[in-house]
N, C-alpha and C. Protein backbone atom coordinates (compact mmCIF):
# COMPACT_ATOMS: atom_id res chain seq x y z
N UNK A 1 181.23 148.55 73.97
CA UNK A 1 180.19 147.24 73.57
C UNK A 1 179.45 147.11 72.90
N UNK A 2 178.73 148.19 73.60
CA UNK A 2 177.18 147.49 73.01
C UNK A 2 177.19 148.95 71.62
N UNK A 3 177.87 149.61 71.81
CA UNK A 3 178.20 150.44 70.46
C UNK A 3 178.93 149.56 69.01
N UNK A 4 180.63 148.39 69.50
CA UNK A 4 180.56 148.32 68.98
C UNK A 4 179.81 146.91 68.09
N UNK A 5 179.12 146.59 69.01
CA UNK A 5 177.79 145.53 68.11
C UNK A 5 176.63 146.13 67.38
N UNK A 6 176.40 147.01 67.48
CA UNK A 6 175.54 147.92 67.27
C UNK A 6 175.84 147.85 65.44
N UNK A 7 177.20 148.51 65.63
CA UNK A 7 177.82 148.56 64.42
C UNK A 7 178.43 147.59 63.38
N UNK A 8 178.20 146.22 63.76
CA UNK A 8 179.43 145.51 62.99
C UNK A 8 177.67 144.78 62.67
N UNK A 9 176.51 144.95 63.80
CA UNK A 9 175.38 144.04 63.23
C UNK A 9 174.29 145.02 62.32
N UNK A 10 174.62 146.68 61.90
CA UNK A 10 174.40 146.68 60.69
C UNK A 10 175.55 146.90 59.24
N UNK A 11 177.14 146.73 60.24
CA UNK A 11 178.33 146.47 58.74
C UNK A 11 177.72 144.96 58.38
N UNK A 12 176.56 143.91 58.89
CA UNK A 12 176.36 143.08 58.29
C UNK A 12 176.20 142.75 56.72
N UNK A 13 175.43 143.79 56.65
CA UNK A 13 174.75 144.25 55.41
C UNK A 13 175.77 144.20 54.30
N UNK A 14 176.63 144.71 54.42
CA UNK A 14 177.87 145.29 53.94
C UNK A 14 178.68 144.87 52.82
N UNK A 15 179.08 143.58 52.75
CA UNK A 15 179.54 142.34 52.46
C UNK A 15 181.12 143.06 51.76
N UNK A 16 181.04 144.15 50.91
CA UNK A 16 182.23 144.86 50.74
C UNK A 16 183.06 144.75 51.98
N UNK A 17 182.39 144.68 52.95
CA UNK A 17 183.64 144.82 53.28
C UNK A 17 184.05 143.70 54.54
N UNK A 18 183.65 142.72 54.53
CA UNK A 18 183.40 141.34 54.79
C UNK A 18 184.73 140.88 54.96
N UNK A 19 185.82 141.10 54.30
CA UNK A 19 186.72 140.75 54.35
C UNK A 19 187.85 141.75 54.47
N UNK A 20 187.35 142.25 55.37
CA UNK A 20 188.74 143.57 56.11
C UNK A 20 188.88 142.88 56.93
N UNK A 21 190.39 143.12 57.24
CA UNK A 21 190.57 142.17 58.11
C UNK A 21 190.39 143.02 59.94
N UNK A 22 190.13 144.38 59.53
CA UNK A 22 189.28 144.50 60.46
C UNK A 22 188.12 145.09 61.25
N UNK A 23 187.38 144.57 60.20
CA UNK A 23 185.97 143.47 60.54
C UNK A 23 185.65 142.38 61.46
N UNK A 24 187.13 141.31 61.01
CA UNK A 24 186.83 140.51 61.32
C UNK A 24 187.67 140.47 63.11
N UNK A 25 188.65 141.27 62.76
CA UNK A 25 189.65 141.33 63.78
C UNK A 25 188.09 142.33 65.66
N UNK A 26 187.31 143.13 65.14
CA UNK A 26 186.30 143.42 64.68
C UNK A 26 185.01 142.40 66.01
N UNK A 27 184.57 141.72 65.37
CA UNK A 27 183.99 140.50 65.41
C UNK A 27 184.69 139.57 66.37
N UNK A 28 185.49 139.48 66.35
CA UNK A 28 186.35 138.77 67.59
C UNK A 28 186.80 139.39 68.90
N UNK A 29 187.02 140.59 69.11
CA UNK A 29 187.06 141.17 70.12
C UNK A 29 185.81 141.19 70.63
N UNK A 30 185.00 141.19 69.47
CA UNK A 30 183.01 141.56 70.48
C UNK A 30 182.75 140.38 71.09
N UNK A 31 183.42 139.15 70.39
CA UNK A 31 183.03 137.57 70.82
C UNK A 31 183.65 137.55 72.16
N UNK A 32 184.89 138.06 72.38
CA UNK A 32 185.45 137.76 73.70
C UNK A 32 185.21 138.88 74.93
N UNK A 33 185.24 139.76 74.60
CA UNK A 33 184.82 140.98 75.77
C UNK A 33 183.82 140.46 76.79
N UNK A 34 183.15 139.64 76.43
CA UNK A 34 182.77 139.78 78.01
C UNK A 34 183.37 138.28 78.84
N UNK A 35 184.76 137.50 78.62
CA UNK A 35 185.29 137.08 79.39
C UNK A 35 186.34 138.05 79.72
N UNK A 36 186.96 138.49 79.17
CA UNK A 36 188.34 139.68 79.41
C UNK A 36 188.30 139.92 81.56
N UNK A 37 187.49 140.04 81.90
CA UNK A 37 187.20 140.40 83.40
C UNK A 37 186.56 139.70 84.00
N UNK A 38 186.16 137.80 83.42
CA UNK A 38 185.87 137.04 84.11
C UNK A 38 186.55 136.47 84.55
N UNK A 39 186.04 136.40 86.38
CA UNK A 39 186.82 134.68 87.10
C UNK A 39 185.81 134.44 87.75
N UNK A 40 186.02 132.79 87.37
CA UNK A 40 185.09 132.24 87.97
C UNK A 40 184.92 131.80 88.91
N UNK A 41 183.76 131.57 89.73
CA UNK A 41 182.60 131.20 89.73
C UNK A 41 182.09 132.54 88.60
N UNK A 42 181.37 132.69 87.20
CA UNK A 42 181.00 133.44 86.71
C UNK A 42 179.07 133.23 87.98
N UNK A 43 179.05 134.68 87.44
CA UNK A 43 177.49 135.18 88.46
C UNK A 43 176.81 134.71 87.56
N UNK A 44 175.22 134.65 87.50
CA UNK A 44 174.35 133.97 86.57
C UNK A 44 174.42 135.62 85.35
N UNK A 45 174.81 136.79 86.67
CA UNK A 45 174.56 138.00 85.40
C UNK A 45 175.52 138.47 84.01
N UNK A 46 176.65 137.42 84.41
CA UNK A 46 177.92 137.27 83.81
C UNK A 46 177.92 136.19 83.24
N UNK A 47 176.73 134.93 82.98
CA UNK A 47 177.06 134.51 81.82
C UNK A 47 176.41 134.70 81.39
N UNK A 48 175.31 135.39 81.63
CA UNK A 48 173.96 136.54 80.57
C UNK A 48 174.86 136.96 79.61
N UNK A 49 175.56 137.97 79.65
CA UNK A 49 175.81 138.64 79.49
C UNK A 49 177.30 138.17 78.11
N UNK A 50 177.80 136.50 78.57
CA UNK A 50 178.64 136.21 78.16
C UNK A 50 177.42 134.72 76.74
N UNK A 51 176.61 134.71 77.25
CA UNK A 51 175.60 134.15 76.14
C UNK A 51 175.08 135.12 75.23
N UNK A 52 174.42 136.40 75.73
CA UNK A 52 174.19 137.19 74.76
C UNK A 52 175.19 137.54 73.70
N UNK A 53 176.59 137.60 74.23
CA UNK A 53 177.00 137.80 73.04
C UNK A 53 178.01 137.35 72.54
N UNK A 54 177.76 135.67 72.58
CA UNK A 54 178.44 134.27 71.99
C UNK A 54 177.31 134.32 70.47
N UNK A 55 175.92 134.43 71.08
CA UNK A 55 174.41 134.01 70.48
C UNK A 55 174.63 135.05 69.14
N UNK A 56 175.45 136.53 69.27
CA UNK A 56 175.72 137.36 68.24
C UNK A 56 176.36 136.08 66.83
N UNK A 57 177.06 135.34 67.12
CA UNK A 57 177.78 134.76 66.23
C UNK A 57 177.18 134.37 65.31
N UNK A 58 175.83 133.82 65.11
CA UNK A 58 175.08 133.79 63.92
C UNK A 58 174.42 134.47 63.14
N UNK A 59 175.01 136.20 63.51
CA UNK A 59 174.62 137.11 62.39
C UNK A 59 176.36 137.98 62.01
N UNK A 60 176.98 136.82 62.30
CA UNK A 60 178.41 137.44 61.12
C UNK A 60 178.73 136.52 60.34
N UNK A 61 178.80 136.81 58.71
CA UNK A 61 178.47 136.61 58.13
C UNK A 61 179.90 135.71 57.87
N UNK A 62 180.96 136.19 58.39
CA UNK A 62 182.86 135.66 58.21
C UNK A 62 183.32 135.02 59.63
N UNK A 63 182.08 134.91 59.84
CA UNK A 63 182.14 133.11 61.34
C UNK A 63 182.92 131.90 61.05
N UNK A 64 183.53 131.57 59.46
CA UNK A 64 183.74 131.34 59.37
C UNK A 64 185.94 131.45 59.85
N UNK A 65 185.53 133.09 60.01
CA UNK A 65 187.39 133.41 59.58
C UNK A 65 187.62 134.23 60.92
N UNK A 66 186.76 133.82 62.06
CA UNK A 66 186.99 134.28 63.43
C UNK A 66 187.49 133.29 64.34
N UNK A 67 188.62 133.50 65.62
CA UNK A 67 189.08 132.70 66.15
C UNK A 67 188.08 132.14 67.79
N UNK A 68 187.80 130.87 66.59
CA UNK A 68 186.59 130.47 67.49
C UNK A 68 186.99 128.84 68.16
N UNK A 69 188.30 129.33 68.37
CA UNK A 69 189.52 128.68 69.42
C UNK A 69 189.39 128.86 70.59
N UNK A 70 190.11 130.31 70.39
CA UNK A 70 190.29 131.00 71.61
C UNK A 70 189.38 131.94 72.39
N UNK A 71 187.90 131.44 71.72
CA UNK A 71 186.41 131.97 72.50
C UNK A 71 186.43 130.71 72.73
N UNK A 72 186.14 129.65 72.18
CA UNK A 72 186.29 128.38 73.07
C UNK A 72 186.85 128.01 74.95
N UNK A 73 187.69 128.32 74.14
CA UNK A 73 188.82 128.07 75.65
C UNK A 73 188.58 128.78 76.95
N UNK A 74 187.70 130.10 76.24
CA UNK A 74 187.84 131.31 77.59
C UNK A 74 186.72 130.77 77.98
N UNK A 75 185.51 130.04 76.99
CA UNK A 75 184.21 129.56 78.08
C UNK A 75 184.48 128.39 78.38
N UNK A 76 185.92 127.21 78.47
CA UNK A 76 186.15 126.43 79.06
C UNK A 76 186.85 127.12 80.29
N UNK A 77 187.95 128.34 79.95
CA UNK A 77 188.50 128.84 81.39
C UNK A 77 187.98 129.09 82.22
N UNK A 78 186.95 130.13 82.11
CA UNK A 78 186.04 130.52 82.97
C UNK A 78 185.09 129.68 83.24
N UNK A 79 184.61 128.08 83.24
CA UNK A 79 184.02 127.49 83.57
C UNK A 79 182.64 127.49 83.40
N UNK A 80 182.13 128.02 82.16
CA UNK A 80 180.87 128.04 81.07
C UNK A 80 180.89 127.04 79.48
N UNK A 81 181.83 126.32 79.88
CA UNK A 81 181.92 125.01 79.07
C UNK A 81 180.98 125.02 78.02
N UNK A 82 179.94 124.74 78.68
CA UNK A 82 177.72 124.62 78.04
C UNK A 82 178.36 125.76 76.95
N UNK A 83 178.39 127.12 77.52
CA UNK A 83 178.20 127.98 76.51
C UNK A 83 178.73 128.14 74.88
N UNK A 84 180.20 127.31 75.03
CA UNK A 84 181.01 127.12 73.63
C UNK A 84 180.19 125.87 72.47
N UNK A 85 178.91 125.56 73.80
CA UNK A 85 177.96 124.91 72.57
C UNK A 85 177.96 125.34 71.20
N UNK A 86 177.16 126.82 71.63
CA UNK A 86 176.82 127.40 70.87
C UNK A 86 178.14 127.90 69.53
N UNK A 87 179.34 127.33 69.74
CA UNK A 87 180.03 127.78 68.60
C UNK A 87 180.27 126.02 67.77
N UNK A 88 179.66 125.22 68.38
CA UNK A 88 179.77 124.46 68.00
C UNK A 88 179.34 124.38 66.02
N UNK A 89 178.62 124.36 65.68
CA UNK A 89 178.00 124.59 64.69
C UNK A 89 179.05 125.30 63.19
N UNK A 90 179.83 125.87 64.32
CA UNK A 90 180.70 126.93 62.90
C UNK A 90 182.62 125.84 63.75
N UNK A 91 182.02 124.92 63.60
CA UNK A 91 183.68 124.09 64.18
C UNK A 91 183.79 123.36 63.23
N UNK A 92 185.00 123.03 62.93
CA UNK A 92 185.16 121.71 62.02
C UNK A 92 184.68 120.35 62.89
N UNK A 93 184.50 119.58 61.82
CA UNK A 93 183.84 118.31 62.67
C UNK A 93 184.29 117.93 63.80
N UNK A 94 185.65 117.74 64.06
CA UNK A 94 187.32 117.30 64.63
C UNK A 94 186.91 117.76 65.71
N UNK A 95 186.84 119.85 65.67
CA UNK A 95 186.43 120.19 67.34
C UNK A 95 185.29 120.41 67.31
N UNK A 96 184.29 120.59 66.68
CA UNK A 96 183.10 120.82 67.71
C UNK A 96 182.83 118.78 68.23
N UNK A 97 183.64 117.70 67.81
CA UNK A 97 183.31 116.79 68.56
C UNK A 97 184.27 116.93 69.87
N UNK A 98 185.62 117.18 69.88
CA UNK A 98 185.97 117.70 70.73
C UNK A 98 185.11 118.54 72.26
N UNK A 99 184.90 120.31 71.70
CA UNK A 99 183.84 120.10 72.34
C UNK A 99 182.61 119.97 73.09
N UNK A 100 181.88 119.24 72.53
CA UNK A 100 181.13 118.19 72.84
C UNK A 100 181.72 117.35 74.23
N UNK A 101 182.56 116.47 74.07
CA UNK A 101 183.37 115.72 74.48
C UNK A 101 183.53 116.30 75.89
N UNK A 102 184.47 117.23 75.95
CA UNK A 102 184.54 118.06 76.33
C UNK A 102 183.22 118.82 77.67
N UNK A 103 182.31 118.93 77.27
CA UNK A 103 181.32 119.65 77.80
C UNK A 103 180.72 118.39 78.54
N UNK A 104 181.12 117.54 78.23
CA UNK A 104 180.20 116.37 78.23
C UNK A 104 180.48 115.47 79.63
N UNK A 105 181.65 116.06 79.94
CA UNK A 105 182.98 115.57 81.04
C UNK A 105 182.82 116.32 81.94
N UNK A 106 182.41 117.51 81.69
CA UNK A 106 182.44 118.53 82.57
C UNK A 106 181.32 118.39 83.77
N UNK A 107 180.23 118.35 83.04
CA UNK A 107 179.11 117.82 83.46
C UNK A 107 178.22 116.78 83.41
N UNK A 108 176.92 116.87 83.94
CA UNK A 108 176.32 115.67 84.70
C UNK A 108 175.53 115.77 83.84
N UNK A 109 174.08 114.82 83.06
CA UNK A 109 173.42 114.43 82.53
C UNK A 109 172.56 115.49 82.73
N UNK A 110 172.84 115.64 84.07
CA UNK A 110 171.48 116.51 84.35
C UNK A 110 171.47 117.78 84.38
N UNK A 111 172.60 118.82 85.02
CA UNK A 111 173.53 119.06 84.29
C UNK A 111 172.90 119.85 83.26
N UNK A 112 174.05 118.99 82.10
CA UNK A 112 173.35 119.32 81.09
C UNK A 112 172.49 119.67 80.15
N UNK A 113 171.49 118.76 80.04
CA UNK A 113 170.14 119.05 80.72
C UNK A 113 169.86 119.84 81.09
N UNK A 114 170.23 120.85 82.28
CA UNK A 114 169.53 121.85 82.62
C UNK A 114 170.29 123.00 81.47
N UNK A 115 171.18 123.08 81.80
CA UNK A 115 172.07 124.09 80.89
C UNK A 115 171.51 124.17 79.31
N UNK A 116 171.37 123.04 78.97
CA UNK A 116 170.85 123.17 77.63
C UNK A 116 169.58 123.82 77.71
N UNK A 117 168.70 123.14 78.43
CA UNK A 117 167.49 124.07 78.33
C UNK A 117 167.65 125.82 79.05
N UNK A 118 168.14 125.65 79.40
CA UNK A 118 168.08 127.25 79.66
C UNK A 118 169.22 128.12 78.83
N UNK A 119 169.12 127.43 77.74
CA UNK A 119 169.56 128.54 76.80
C UNK A 119 169.10 128.26 75.50
N UNK A 120 168.31 127.41 75.29
CA UNK A 120 167.48 127.22 74.29
C UNK A 120 166.09 127.76 74.60
N UNK A 121 165.78 127.99 76.00
CA UNK A 121 164.74 129.11 76.48
C UNK A 121 164.81 130.61 76.80
N UNK A 122 166.07 131.10 76.52
CA UNK A 122 166.76 132.08 76.07
C UNK A 122 166.93 132.53 74.98
N UNK A 123 166.35 131.58 73.79
CA UNK A 123 166.42 131.62 72.01
C UNK A 123 167.70 131.21 71.95
N UNK A 124 168.14 131.11 72.70
CA UNK A 124 169.87 130.37 71.81
C UNK A 124 169.31 129.13 70.94
N UNK A 125 170.21 129.24 69.26
CA UNK A 125 169.98 128.57 68.64
C UNK A 125 171.24 127.20 68.42
N UNK A 126 169.98 125.69 69.34
CA UNK A 126 171.96 125.15 69.29
C UNK A 126 170.93 123.34 68.20
N UNK A 127 171.80 122.88 67.25
CA UNK A 127 171.87 121.72 66.71
C UNK A 127 170.53 121.15 67.65
N UNK A 128 169.74 120.72 66.78
CA UNK A 128 168.60 119.58 67.44
C UNK A 128 169.48 118.24 68.29
N UNK A 129 170.55 117.71 67.62
CA UNK A 129 170.60 117.39 68.82
C UNK A 129 171.10 117.06 69.76
N UNK A 130 171.10 118.69 70.78
CA UNK A 130 171.44 118.80 71.84
C UNK A 130 170.18 118.99 72.51
N UNK A 131 168.92 118.96 72.15
CA UNK A 131 168.06 119.00 72.69
C UNK A 131 167.83 117.97 73.45
N UNK A 132 168.35 116.96 72.86
CA UNK A 132 168.09 115.73 74.62
C UNK A 132 169.31 115.74 75.66
N UNK A 133 170.35 116.46 75.22
CA UNK A 133 171.48 116.45 75.71
C UNK A 133 172.57 115.88 75.37
N UNK A 134 171.61 114.95 74.28
CA UNK A 134 172.81 114.15 74.03
C UNK A 134 173.72 114.41 72.89
N UNK A 135 175.22 114.92 73.25
CA UNK A 135 176.03 115.90 72.14
C UNK A 135 177.29 115.16 71.50
N UNK A 136 177.14 113.89 72.10
CA UNK A 136 178.15 113.21 70.63
C UNK A 136 177.60 112.41 68.98
N UNK A 137 176.29 112.92 69.23
CA UNK A 137 175.44 112.52 67.97
C UNK A 137 176.25 113.32 67.26
N UNK A 138 175.98 112.94 65.56
CA UNK A 138 176.23 113.69 64.39
C UNK A 138 176.25 114.95 64.48
N UNK A 139 176.72 115.97 64.26
CA UNK A 139 176.76 117.85 64.36
C UNK A 139 176.18 118.20 62.66
N UNK A 140 175.73 118.89 62.80
CA UNK A 140 175.92 120.05 61.85
C UNK A 140 176.67 121.06 61.41
N UNK A 141 177.01 121.02 60.05
CA UNK A 141 177.96 121.21 59.35
C UNK A 141 177.72 123.14 59.03
N UNK A 142 178.51 123.62 58.88
CA UNK A 142 178.15 124.47 58.45
C UNK A 142 179.10 125.72 57.48
N UNK A 143 178.68 125.86 56.72
CA UNK A 143 180.17 126.70 55.74
C UNK A 143 179.24 128.12 55.44
N UNK A 144 180.40 128.39 55.01
CA UNK A 144 179.98 129.45 54.23
C UNK A 144 180.02 129.22 52.68
N UNK A 145 178.67 130.37 52.11
CA UNK A 145 178.87 130.66 50.64
C UNK A 145 180.29 130.48 49.56
N UNK A 146 180.79 129.94 48.90
CA UNK A 146 181.13 130.18 47.54
C UNK A 146 181.54 131.10 46.72
N UNK A 147 180.37 131.92 46.79
CA UNK A 147 180.66 133.32 46.45
C UNK A 147 181.20 134.13 47.73
N UNK A 148 181.09 134.18 48.68
CA UNK A 148 182.15 134.93 49.62
C UNK A 148 182.70 134.45 49.05
């Protein structure tokens, strides 16, 4: 997986392959990889591995073509729903709101504030409204360039 990660990050500078099915499939595989053998409850080490891989989504030039709903589902199944917040800026506004609501229903305000704080301390980029733990405020919408 580490080799796949390195390779995909290098290939991100090659726009001619961004629409290739294998490129998108490889990104999906990479982002789902830490969840494949994970059984809840996740250890701190497993959670860190998932967080680090999901943080790579910000580097994917074709993020809007990925199977983000499947990745969100894996976060929910493994009781790491707060990690799905990393993907919210790339989801439709409706799906992003559902993820935020699910996380808000799963965690107390104190847990949510703590987990969002840990994500920020780890350098994870989250929308500004997540800083306070108020998840249902208006979110940023991310789109790809029409040139792609």
